[in-house]
Structures are given as C-alpha cells and as structure tokens.
Amino acid sequence: MARIRKRRIRVAGLDYRWMVSHVDPGHVVIRVWHIATRGSQLEVQVAFDDPWLNFGPIITAPADRVAEVFALTPVTPRLVAELIQAALAAGWPVHGDGGPLRFTLSRDRERLEPASGATHRQTARLP
C-alpha cells in the first residue's frame, strides 16, 4: 500500500497540512487541517477518475466524449488553496474542536456543496 503523503500549504497567512486519499475508482477525499491547532478538519470529496485504475474504460471510450464522461483533472495545491478559501467563506471553524466539516466539490469544480448527511447546509463558490 502506498504511503499517504501529508503536504503543507500556506493560505491567507496560515499554515495548513493536507492529504489526498482514494475513496473509490471515481473519487478522492482531500483532508485539510490547521497545523498549529489541529482544530476542526475540512474534508472535501472530489470526482477524480484515476487513469491507472480506470485505464481500460478511458482508452476504450470515444475520444470526443472522454472529457465529459471522466473527471481526469488531478488535485493540485492551487485547488486545495481554493477549497480552503471557499470553506473559510462558508464558515469553516479552523480552530474549532468539532468534528470534520464535510463537503462535496461539484463536478464542474466551481462549488462546495454540503456532503450528504452533513449538519451544515451552506454552499460556497470557489474563488
């Protein structure tokens, strides 16, 4: 099993750690937390059809439809910074001690939507 790498990112003058984990062949979850306080964690599920796990279906799909059927854009530090900014705008209590704040990133990667079963109901747009 591959080692999970925890990365560091600085957004709006604060340092965070983040990591990406596979949920299934079509999704990953990004976990973010403030380094100093390890307060409330942010969890965002993102559609990502891993090319290694979906190689057969991707290469056999019609070339003109691959982009609309598969989510092949990887998670980058820029996306993570945008997720942090959107979550802060939606009221993420970075230094809080509650459970994780869970969102799902829309397929077009423009909105954070509350994950199913989440107690919060606020949607946020990415910058």
N, C-alpha and C. Protein backbone atom coordinates (compact mmCIF):
# COMPACT_ATOMS: atom_id res chain seq x y z
N MET A 1 0.85 -1.17 0.00
CA MET A 1 0.00 0.00 0.00
C MET A 1 0.90 1.24 0.00
N ALA A 2 0.51 2.21 -0.76
CA ALA A 2 1.29 3.44 -0.87
C ALA A 2 1.19 4.27 0.41
N ARG A 3 2.27 4.92 0.72
CA ARG A 3 2.32 5.79 1.89
C ARG A 3 1.52 7.06 1.57
N ILE A 4 0.72 7.51 2.55
CA ILE A 4 -0.04 8.75 2.36
C ILE A 4 0.87 9.91 2.72
N ARG A 5 1.00 10.83 1.81
CA ARG A 5 1.89 11.98 1.99
C ARG A 5 1.11 13.18 2.49
N LYS A 6 1.54 13.72 3.61
CA LYS A 6 0.94 14.94 4.15
C LYS A 6 1.73 16.12 3.61
N ARG A 7 1.02 17.04 2.98
CA ARG A 7 1.66 18.19 2.37
C ARG A 7 1.37 19.45 3.17
N ARG A 8 2.17 20.46 2.98
CA ARG A 8 1.99 21.74 3.67
C ARG A 8 1.58 22.79 2.64
N ILE A 9 0.68 23.69 3.07
CA ILE A 9 0.25 24.79 2.21
C ILE A 9 -0.02 26.00 3.10
N ARG A 10 0.27 27.19 2.57
CA ARG A 10 0.03 28.45 3.29
C ARG A 10 -1.04 29.22 2.53
N VAL A 11 -2.14 29.55 3.22
CA VAL A 11 -3.25 30.29 2.63
C VAL A 11 -3.64 31.40 3.59
N ALA A 12 -3.68 32.63 3.08
CA ALA A 12 -4.07 33.81 3.86
C ALA A 12 -3.25 33.92 5.15
N GLY A 13 -1.98 33.63 5.07
CA GLY A 13 -1.08 33.79 6.21
C GLY A 13 -1.12 32.67 7.23
N LEU A 14 -1.90 31.62 7.01
CA LEU A 14 -1.97 30.49 7.94
C LEU A 14 -1.42 29.24 7.26
N ASP A 15 -0.76 28.40 8.06
CA ASP A 15 -0.20 27.15 7.54
C ASP A 15 -1.16 26.00 7.81
N TYR A 16 -1.35 25.18 6.77
CA TYR A 16 -2.22 24.02 6.85
C TYR A 16 -1.45 22.80 6.38
N ARG A 17 -1.95 21.64 6.73
CA ARG A 17 -1.49 20.37 6.16
C ARG A 17 -2.67 19.79 5.40
N TRP A 18 -2.36 19.06 4.34
CA TRP A 18 -3.41 18.41 3.56
C TRP A 18 -2.91 17.10 3.01
N MET A 19 -3.87 16.22 2.74
CA MET A 19 -3.56 14.93 2.15
C MET A 19 -4.73 14.48 1.29
N VAL A 20 -4.45 13.58 0.38
CA VAL A 20 -5.46 13.06 -0.54
C VAL A 20 -5.52 11.55 -0.36
N SER A 21 -6.74 11.01 -0.25
CA SER A 21 -6.95 9.57 -0.13
C SER A 21 -7.98 9.12 -1.16
N HIS A 22 -7.83 7.91 -1.67
CA HIS A 22 -8.82 7.36 -2.60
C HIS A 22 -10.05 6.92 -1.82
N VAL A 23 -11.22 7.22 -2.37
CA VAL A 23 -12.47 6.73 -1.80
C VAL A 23 -12.92 5.52 -2.61
N ASP A 24 -12.90 5.66 -3.92
CA ASP A 24 -13.24 4.60 -4.86
C ASP A 24 -12.58 4.98 -6.19
N PRO A 25 -12.70 4.15 -7.24
CA PRO A 25 -12.03 4.48 -8.51
C PRO A 25 -12.46 5.80 -9.14
N GLY A 26 -13.55 6.41 -8.66
CA GLY A 26 -14.02 7.66 -9.26
C GLY A 26 -13.98 8.86 -8.34
N HIS A 27 -13.46 8.70 -7.11
CA HIS A 27 -13.44 9.81 -6.16
C HIS A 27 -12.23 9.76 -5.23
N VAL A 28 -11.81 10.94 -4.82
CA VAL A 28 -10.79 11.08 -3.77
C VAL A 28 -11.36 12.00 -2.70
N VAL A 29 -10.78 11.95 -1.53
CA VAL A 29 -11.16 12.89 -0.47
C VAL A 29 -9.91 13.66 -0.07
N ILE A 30 -10.08 14.98 0.03
CA ILE A 30 -9.00 15.86 0.45
C ILE A 30 -9.27 16.23 1.91
N ARG A 31 -8.29 16.02 2.78
CA ARG A 31 -8.42 16.38 4.18
C ARG A 31 -7.44 17.51 4.48
N VAL A 32 -7.94 18.56 5.15
CA VAL A 32 -7.12 19.74 5.46
C VAL A 32 -7.31 20.08 6.93
N TRP A 33 -6.22 20.48 7.58
CA TRP A 33 -6.30 20.94 8.96
C TRP A 33 -5.23 21.99 9.21
N HIS A 34 -5.50 22.85 10.19
CA HIS A 34 -4.55 23.90 10.58
C HIS A 34 -3.42 23.23 11.33
N ILE A 35 -2.17 23.55 11.00
CA ILE A 35 -1.02 22.88 11.59
C ILE A 35 -0.93 23.11 13.10
N ALA A 36 -1.03 24.36 13.53
CA ALA A 36 -0.78 24.69 14.94
C ALA A 36 -1.86 24.15 15.88
N THR A 37 -3.12 24.27 15.48
CA THR A 37 -4.19 23.91 16.41
C THR A 37 -4.78 22.53 16.18
N ARG A 38 -4.60 21.98 14.99
CA ARG A 38 -5.24 20.71 14.63
C ARG A 38 -6.72 20.73 15.01
N GLY A 39 -7.35 21.88 14.77
CA GLY A 39 -8.76 22.06 15.10
C GLY A 39 -9.66 21.25 14.19
N SER A 40 -10.78 21.80 13.86
CA SER A 40 -11.77 21.15 13.02
C SER A 40 -11.17 20.84 11.64
N GLN A 41 -11.32 19.62 11.20
CA GLN A 41 -10.77 19.20 9.91
C GLN A 41 -11.77 19.48 8.79
N LEU A 42 -11.26 19.82 7.63
CA LEU A 42 -12.06 20.00 6.42
C LEU A 42 -11.89 18.75 5.57
N GLU A 43 -13.02 18.18 5.10
CA GLU A 43 -12.98 17.03 4.21
C GLU A 43 -13.81 17.35 2.98
N VAL A 44 -13.19 17.22 1.82
CA VAL A 44 -13.88 17.51 0.56
C VAL A 44 -13.74 16.31 -0.36
N GLN A 45 -14.88 15.76 -0.79
CA GLN A 45 -14.87 14.67 -1.76
C GLN A 45 -14.85 15.27 -3.16
N VAL A 46 -13.94 14.77 -3.99
CA VAL A 46 -13.73 15.32 -5.33
C VAL A 46 -13.82 14.18 -6.35
N ALA A 47 -14.55 14.42 -7.44
CA ALA A 47 -14.60 13.43 -8.52
C ALA A 47 -13.24 13.40 -9.22
N PHE A 48 -12.66 12.21 -9.28
CA PHE A 48 -11.39 12.03 -10.00
C PHE A 48 -11.32 10.58 -10.43
N ASP A 49 -11.37 10.36 -11.73
CA ASP A 49 -11.27 9.02 -12.29
C ASP A 49 -9.79 8.73 -12.54
N ASP A 50 -9.18 8.09 -11.57
CA ASP A 50 -7.75 7.80 -11.63
C ASP A 50 -7.43 7.04 -12.92
N PRO A 51 -6.57 7.60 -13.77
CA PRO A 51 -6.24 6.93 -15.04
C PRO A 51 -5.64 5.54 -14.85
N TRP A 52 -4.93 5.31 -13.75
CA TRP A 52 -4.35 3.99 -13.51
C TRP A 52 -5.43 2.97 -13.15
N LEU A 53 -6.43 3.40 -12.41
CA LEU A 53 -7.50 2.48 -12.00
C LEU A 53 -8.58 2.33 -13.07
N ASN A 54 -8.70 3.30 -13.96
CA ASN A 54 -9.74 3.31 -14.99
C ASN A 54 -9.16 3.24 -16.40
N PHE A 55 -7.98 2.68 -16.55
CA PHE A 55 -7.28 2.69 -17.83
C PHE A 55 -8.11 2.11 -18.96
N GLY A 56 -8.67 0.93 -18.75
CA GLY A 56 -9.45 0.28 -19.81
C GLY A 56 -10.63 1.10 -20.27
N PRO A 57 -11.51 1.51 -19.34
CA PRO A 57 -12.66 2.32 -19.77
C PRO A 57 -12.26 3.64 -20.43
N ILE A 58 -11.19 4.25 -19.97
CA ILE A 58 -10.79 5.54 -20.53
C ILE A 58 -10.29 5.38 -21.97
N ILE A 59 -9.45 4.38 -22.22
CA ILE A 59 -8.92 4.24 -23.58
C ILE A 59 -9.92 3.68 -24.56
N THR A 60 -10.98 3.01 -24.07
CA THR A 60 -11.98 2.47 -24.98
C THR A 60 -13.15 3.43 -25.20
N ALA A 61 -13.21 4.51 -24.44
CA ALA A 61 -14.28 5.50 -24.61
C ALA A 61 -14.04 6.30 -25.89
N PRO A 62 -15.10 6.77 -26.53
CA PRO A 62 -14.92 7.63 -27.71
C PRO A 62 -14.09 8.86 -27.33
N ALA A 63 -13.08 9.17 -28.11
CA ALA A 63 -12.15 10.26 -27.78
C ALA A 63 -12.84 11.59 -27.56
N ASP A 64 -13.90 11.87 -28.30
CA ASP A 64 -14.58 13.15 -28.16
C ASP A 64 -15.48 13.22 -26.91
N ARG A 65 -15.66 12.10 -26.21
CA ARG A 65 -16.51 12.10 -25.02
C ARG A 65 -15.74 11.87 -23.72
N VAL A 66 -14.45 11.59 -23.80
CA VAL A 66 -13.67 11.28 -22.60
C VAL A 66 -13.78 12.40 -21.57
N ALA A 67 -13.63 13.64 -21.99
CA ALA A 67 -13.64 14.77 -21.05
C ALA A 67 -15.00 14.96 -20.37
N GLU A 68 -16.09 14.61 -21.05
CA GLU A 68 -17.40 14.80 -20.42
C GLU A 68 -17.81 13.60 -19.57
N VAL A 69 -17.21 12.44 -19.79
CA VAL A 69 -17.57 11.24 -19.03
C VAL A 69 -16.64 11.03 -17.83
N PHE A 70 -15.36 11.33 -18.00
CA PHE A 70 -14.39 11.08 -16.94
C PHE A 70 -13.85 12.38 -16.36
N ALA A 71 -13.64 12.40 -15.06
CA ALA A 71 -13.02 13.55 -14.37
C ALA A 71 -11.54 13.23 -14.23
N LEU A 72 -10.71 13.79 -15.11
CA LEU A 72 -9.29 13.45 -15.15
C LEU A 72 -8.38 14.55 -14.62
N THR A 73 -8.94 15.68 -14.21
CA THR A 73 -8.11 16.76 -13.68
C THR A 73 -7.66 16.40 -12.27
N PRO A 74 -6.34 16.32 -12.03
CA PRO A 74 -5.86 15.91 -10.71
C PRO A 74 -6.01 17.01 -9.66
N VAL A 75 -5.85 16.61 -8.42
CA VAL A 75 -5.86 17.56 -7.30
C VAL A 75 -4.50 18.25 -7.27
N THR A 76 -4.51 19.58 -7.23
CA THR A 76 -3.28 20.37 -7.20
C THR A 76 -3.28 21.27 -5.98
N PRO A 77 -2.12 21.80 -5.59
CA PRO A 77 -2.09 22.76 -4.48
C PRO A 77 -2.99 23.97 -4.73
N ARG A 78 -3.09 24.40 -5.97
CA ARG A 78 -3.97 25.54 -6.27
C ARG A 78 -5.42 25.21 -5.93
N LEU A 79 -5.88 24.01 -6.30
CA LEU A 79 -7.24 23.60 -5.98
C LEU A 79 -7.43 23.54 -4.46
N VAL A 80 -6.45 23.01 -3.75
CA VAL A 80 -6.55 22.92 -2.29
C VAL A 80 -6.65 24.31 -1.67
N ALA A 81 -5.86 25.26 -2.16
CA ALA A 81 -5.94 26.64 -1.66
C ALA A 81 -7.33 27.22 -1.91
N GLU A 82 -7.90 26.97 -3.08
CA GLU A 82 -9.24 27.47 -3.40
C GLU A 82 -10.29 26.81 -2.50
N LEU A 83 -10.12 25.52 -2.21
CA LEU A 83 -11.05 24.83 -1.30
C LEU A 83 -11.00 25.42 0.10
N ILE A 84 -9.78 25.72 0.57
CA ILE A 84 -9.63 26.32 1.89
C ILE A 84 -10.32 27.68 1.93
N GLN A 85 -10.09 28.50 0.92
CA GLN A 85 -10.71 29.84 0.88
C GLN A 85 -12.23 29.73 0.85
N ALA A 86 -12.77 28.82 0.04
CA ALA A 86 -14.22 28.65 -0.04
C ALA A 86 -14.80 28.13 1.27
N ALA A 87 -14.11 27.19 1.91
CA ALA A 87 -14.58 26.65 3.19
C ALA A 87 -14.56 27.72 4.28
N LEU A 88 -13.53 28.55 4.28
CA LEU A 88 -13.47 29.65 5.25
C LEU A 88 -14.64 30.61 5.03
N ALA A 89 -14.95 30.90 3.75
CA ALA A 89 -16.08 31.78 3.44
C ALA A 89 -17.41 31.14 3.86
N ALA A 90 -17.47 29.81 3.87
CA ALA A 90 -18.69 29.09 4.26
C ALA A 90 -18.78 28.89 5.77
N GLY A 91 -17.77 29.39 6.51
CA GLY A 91 -17.83 29.31 7.96
C GLY A 91 -17.06 28.17 8.60
N TRP A 92 -16.06 27.63 7.90
CA TRP A 92 -15.26 26.55 8.49
C TRP A 92 -14.55 27.08 9.73
N PRO A 93 -14.81 26.49 10.90
CA PRO A 93 -14.15 26.93 12.13
C PRO A 93 -12.77 26.28 12.26
N VAL A 94 -11.79 26.87 11.62
CA VAL A 94 -10.44 26.31 11.54
C VAL A 94 -9.90 25.91 12.91
N HIS A 95 -10.12 26.75 13.91
CA HIS A 95 -9.56 26.50 15.24
C HIS A 95 -10.56 25.81 16.16
N GLY A 96 -11.73 25.45 15.62
CA GLY A 96 -12.75 24.81 16.44
C GLY A 96 -12.36 23.39 16.81
N ASP A 97 -13.11 22.82 17.73
CA ASP A 97 -12.79 21.46 18.17
C ASP A 97 -13.89 20.47 17.81
N GLY A 98 -14.78 20.87 16.91
CA GLY A 98 -15.86 19.98 16.48
C GLY A 98 -15.36 18.94 15.51
N GLY A 99 -16.27 18.14 15.03
CA GLY A 99 -15.93 17.12 14.05
C GLY A 99 -15.59 17.75 12.72
N PRO A 100 -15.25 16.92 11.76
CA PRO A 100 -14.87 17.44 10.44
C PRO A 100 -16.05 18.11 9.73
N LEU A 101 -15.72 19.14 8.96
CA LEU A 101 -16.69 19.81 8.11
C LEU A 101 -16.58 19.15 6.74
N ARG A 102 -17.68 18.53 6.27
CA ARG A 102 -17.63 17.73 5.05
C ARG A 102 -18.38 18.41 3.90
N PHE A 103 -17.69 18.44 2.76
CA PHE A 103 -18.26 18.99 1.53
C PHE A 103 -18.02 18.03 0.39
N THR A 104 -18.75 18.25 -0.69
CA THR A 104 -18.50 17.58 -1.97
C THR A 104 -18.26 18.69 -2.97
N LEU A 105 -17.19 18.58 -3.75
CA LEU A 105 -16.91 19.56 -4.80
C LEU A 105 -17.74 19.19 -6.01
N SER A 106 -18.48 20.18 -6.55
CA SER A 106 -19.32 19.92 -7.72
C SER A 106 -18.45 19.41 -8.87
N ARG A 107 -19.05 18.67 -9.76
CA ARG A 107 -18.29 18.08 -10.87
C ARG A 107 -17.60 19.13 -11.73
N ASP A 108 -18.21 20.33 -11.84
CA ASP A 108 -17.58 21.40 -12.61
C ASP A 108 -16.49 22.13 -11.80
N ARG A 109 -16.30 21.71 -10.55
CA ARG A 109 -15.28 22.25 -9.64
C ARG A 109 -15.45 23.75 -9.37
N GLU A 110 -16.71 24.19 -9.31
CA GLU A 110 -16.98 25.59 -9.03
C GLU A 110 -17.66 25.83 -7.69
N ARG A 111 -18.26 24.78 -7.06
CA ARG A 111 -19.00 24.96 -5.81
C ARG A 111 -18.68 23.86 -4.82
N LEU A 112 -18.60 24.26 -3.55
CA LEU A 112 -18.56 23.29 -2.46
C LEU A 112 -20.00 23.10 -1.98
N GLU A 113 -20.45 21.86 -1.98
CA GLU A 113 -21.81 21.57 -1.55
C GLU A 113 -21.73 20.69 -0.31
N PRO A 114 -22.63 20.89 0.65
CA PRO A 114 -22.60 20.04 1.86
C PRO A 114 -22.70 18.57 1.48
N ALA A 115 -21.88 17.74 2.11
CA ALA A 115 -21.92 16.31 1.85
C ALA A 115 -23.23 15.74 2.39
N SER A 116 -23.67 14.65 1.81
CA SER A 116 -24.91 14.04 2.30
C SER A 116 -24.73 13.64 3.76
N GLY A 117 -25.71 13.96 4.56
CA GLY A 117 -25.66 13.67 5.99
C GLY A 117 -24.95 14.74 6.80
N ALA A 118 -24.42 15.77 6.16
CA ALA A 118 -23.72 16.84 6.88
C ALA A 118 -24.74 17.70 7.62
N THR A 119 -24.37 18.22 8.79
CA THR A 119 -25.27 19.04 9.58
C THR A 119 -25.33 20.47 9.07
N HIS A 120 -24.29 20.94 8.39
CA HIS A 120 -24.30 22.30 7.83
C HIS A 120 -24.95 22.25 6.46
N ARG A 121 -25.52 23.35 6.02
CA ARG A 121 -26.25 23.40 4.76
C ARG A 121 -25.76 24.50 3.84
N GLN A 122 -24.64 25.10 4.11
CA GLN A 122 -24.18 26.22 3.32
C GLN A 122 -23.33 25.76 2.14
N THR A 123 -23.62 26.32 0.96
CA THR A 123 -22.85 26.06 -0.26
C THR A 123 -21.90 27.24 -0.45
N ALA A 124 -20.71 26.98 -0.98
CA ALA A 124 -19.73 28.04 -1.21
C ALA A 124 -19.18 27.92 -2.62
N ARG A 125 -18.94 29.06 -3.24
CA ARG A 125 -18.32 29.09 -4.56
C ARG A 125 -16.81 29.19 -4.41
N LEU A 126 -16.09 28.53 -5.29
CA LEU A 126 -14.64 28.62 -5.27
C LEU A 126 -14.23 29.96 -5.86
N PRO A 127 -13.11 30.52 -5.36
CA PRO A 127 -12.64 31.82 -5.88
C PRO A 127 -12.22 31.72 -7.34
